[in-house]
C-alpha atoms as a PDB file:
ATOM      1  CA  UNK A   1      -0.290   0.070  -0.003  1.00  0.00           C
ATOM      2  CA  UNK A   2       2.545   2.655   0.652  1.00  0.00           C
ATOM      3  CA  UNK A   3       4.365   1.824  -2.559  1.00  0.00           C
ATOM      4  CA  UNK A   4       1.053   3.262  -4.107  1.00  0.00           C
ATOM      5  CA  UNK A   5       0.980   6.309  -1.830  1.00  0.00           C
ATOM      6  CA  UNK A   6       4.804   6.911  -2.910  1.00  0.00           C
ATOM      7  CA  UNK A   7       3.421   6.465  -6.661  1.00  0.00           C
ATOM      8  CA  UNK A   8      -0.052   8.621  -5.793  1.00  0.00           C
ATOM      9  CA  UNK A   9       2.432  11.428  -4.421  1.00  0.00           C
ATOM     10  CA  UNK A  10       4.838  11.434  -6.799  1.00  0.00           C
ATOM     11  CA  UNK A  11       2.033  11.931  -9.949  1.00  0.00           C
ATOM     12  CA  UNK A  12       0.420  14.673  -7.975  1.00  0.00           C
ATOM     13  CA  UNK A  13       3.771  16.463  -7.341  1.00  0.00           C
ATOM     14  CA  UNK A  14       4.771  16.403 -11.299  1.00  0.00           C
ATOM     15  CA  UNK A  15       0.798  17.793 -11.759  1.00  0.00           C
ATOM     16  CA  UNK A  16       1.543  20.595  -9.757  1.00  0.00           C
ATOM     17  CA  UNK A  17       4.639  21.484 -11.488  1.00  0.00           C
ATOM     18  CA  UNK A  18       3.030  20.611 -14.808  1.00  0.00           C
ATOM     19  CA  UNK A  19       1.254  23.215 -14.077  1.00  0.00           C
ATOM     20  CA  UNK A  20       3.861  25.761 -13.063  1.00  0.00           C
ATOM     21  CA  UNK A  21       5.688  24.935 -15.931  1.00  0.00           C
ATOM     22  CA  UNK A  22       6.565  28.925 -16.420  1.00  0.00           C
ATOM     23  CA  UNK A  23       6.758  29.730 -12.592  1.00  0.00           C
ATOM     24  CA  UNK A  24      10.458  30.397 -11.189  1.00  0.00           C
ATOM     25  CA  UNK A  25      12.625  27.263  -9.354  1.00  0.00           C
ATOM     26  CA  UNK A  26      11.611  29.823  -6.041  1.00  0.00           C
ATOM     27  CA  UNK A  27       7.849  29.715  -6.695  1.00  0.00           C
ATOM     28  CA  UNK A  28       7.878  25.846  -7.668  1.00  0.00           C
ATOM     29  CA  UNK A  29       9.768  25.400  -3.623  1.00  0.00           C
ATOM     30  CA  UNK A  30       7.262  27.734  -2.449  1.00  0.00           C
ATOM     31  CA  UNK A  31       4.220  26.148  -3.836  1.00  0.00           C
ATOM     32  CA  UNK A  32       5.755  22.014  -3.028  1.00  0.00           C
ATOM     33  CA  UNK A  33       6.441  23.155   0.934  1.00  0.00           C
ATOM     34  CA  UNK A  34       2.870  24.808   0.914  1.00  0.00           C
ATOM     35  CA  UNK A  35       1.771  21.021   0.221  1.00  0.00           C
ATOM     36  CA  UNK A  36       3.807  20.156   2.954  1.00  0.00           C
ATOM     37  CA  UNK A  37       6.994  18.157   1.664  1.00  0.00           C
ATOM     38  CA  UNK A  38      10.412  18.302   3.374  1.00  0.00           C
ATOM     39  CA  UNK A  39      13.097  20.435   1.594  1.00  0.00           C
ATOM     40  CA  UNK A  40      14.581  16.773   1.079  1.00  0.00           C
ATOM     41  CA  UNK A  41      12.186  16.405  -1.402  1.00  0.00           C
ATOM     42  CA  UNK A  42      11.762  19.195  -3.143  1.00  0.00           C
ATOM     43  CA  UNK A  43      15.140  18.857  -3.696  1.00  0.00           C
ATOM     44  CA  UNK A  44      15.322  15.734  -5.825  1.00  0.00           C
ATOM     45  CA  UNK A  45      11.761  17.163  -7.513  1.00  0.00           C
ATOM     46  CA  UNK A  46      13.722  20.031  -8.454  1.00  0.00           C
ATOM     47  CA  UNK A  47      16.679  18.670  -8.853  1.00  0.00           C
ATOM     48  CA  UNK A  48      18.496  21.219  -6.663  1.00  0.00           C
ATOM     49  CA  UNK A  49      20.506  21.092  -3.721  1.00  0.00           C
ATOM     50  CA  UNK A  50      18.566  21.212  -0.146  1.00  0.00           C
ATOM     51  CA  UNK A  51      20.289  24.158   0.744  1.00  0.00           C
ATOM     52  CA  UNK A  52      18.799  26.000  -2.588  1.00  0.00           C
ATOM     53  CA  UNK A  53      16.036  24.974  -0.937  1.00  0.00           C
ATOM     54  CA  UNK A  54      15.873  25.900   2.736  1.00  0.00           C
ATOM     55  CA  UNK A  55      17.535  29.379   1.076  1.00  0.00           C
ATOM     56  CA  UNK A  56      14.476  29.413  -0.582  1.00  0.00           C
ATOM     57  CA  UNK A  57      11.702  29.035   1.978  1.00  0.00           C
ATOM     58  CA  UNK A  58      13.602  31.442   4.557  1.00  0.00           C
ATOM     59  CA  UNK A  59      14.244  33.950   2.612  1.00  0.00           C
ATOM     60  CA  UNK A  60      10.609  33.306   1.068  1.00  0.00           C
ATOM     61  CA  UNK A  61       9.505  33.596   5.223  1.00  0.00           C
ATOM     62  CA  UNK A  62      11.353  37.211   5.834  1.00  0.00           C
ATOM     63  CA  UNK A  63       9.355  38.807   2.934  1.00  0.00           C
ATOM     64  CA  UNK A  64       5.897  37.529   3.882  1.00  0.00           C
ATOM     65  CA  UNK A  65       6.697  38.465   7.230  1.00  0.00           C
ATOM     66  CA  UNK A  66       8.107  42.353   6.343  1.00  0.00           C
ATOM     67  CA  UNK A  67       4.693  42.534   4.452  1.00  0.00           C
ATOM     68  CA  UNK A  68       2.612  41.565   7.442  1.00  0.00           C
ATOM     69  CA  UNK A  69       4.364  44.282   9.484  1.00  0.00           C
END
């Protein structure tokens, strides 16, 4: 059953990324983070380093936080 769930999850990620085809890597990272994926999972999906993902998420949170003030 776990294999089916993993496959379904990967298909949903593929659909999300297909929908975000013209979006920047930053936007893709943010959307996948909102969907609940870990930095490592996001890095695997986008074929980048987990440190890049962490940096983009951190910058996004700082920017969002400053807009709320």
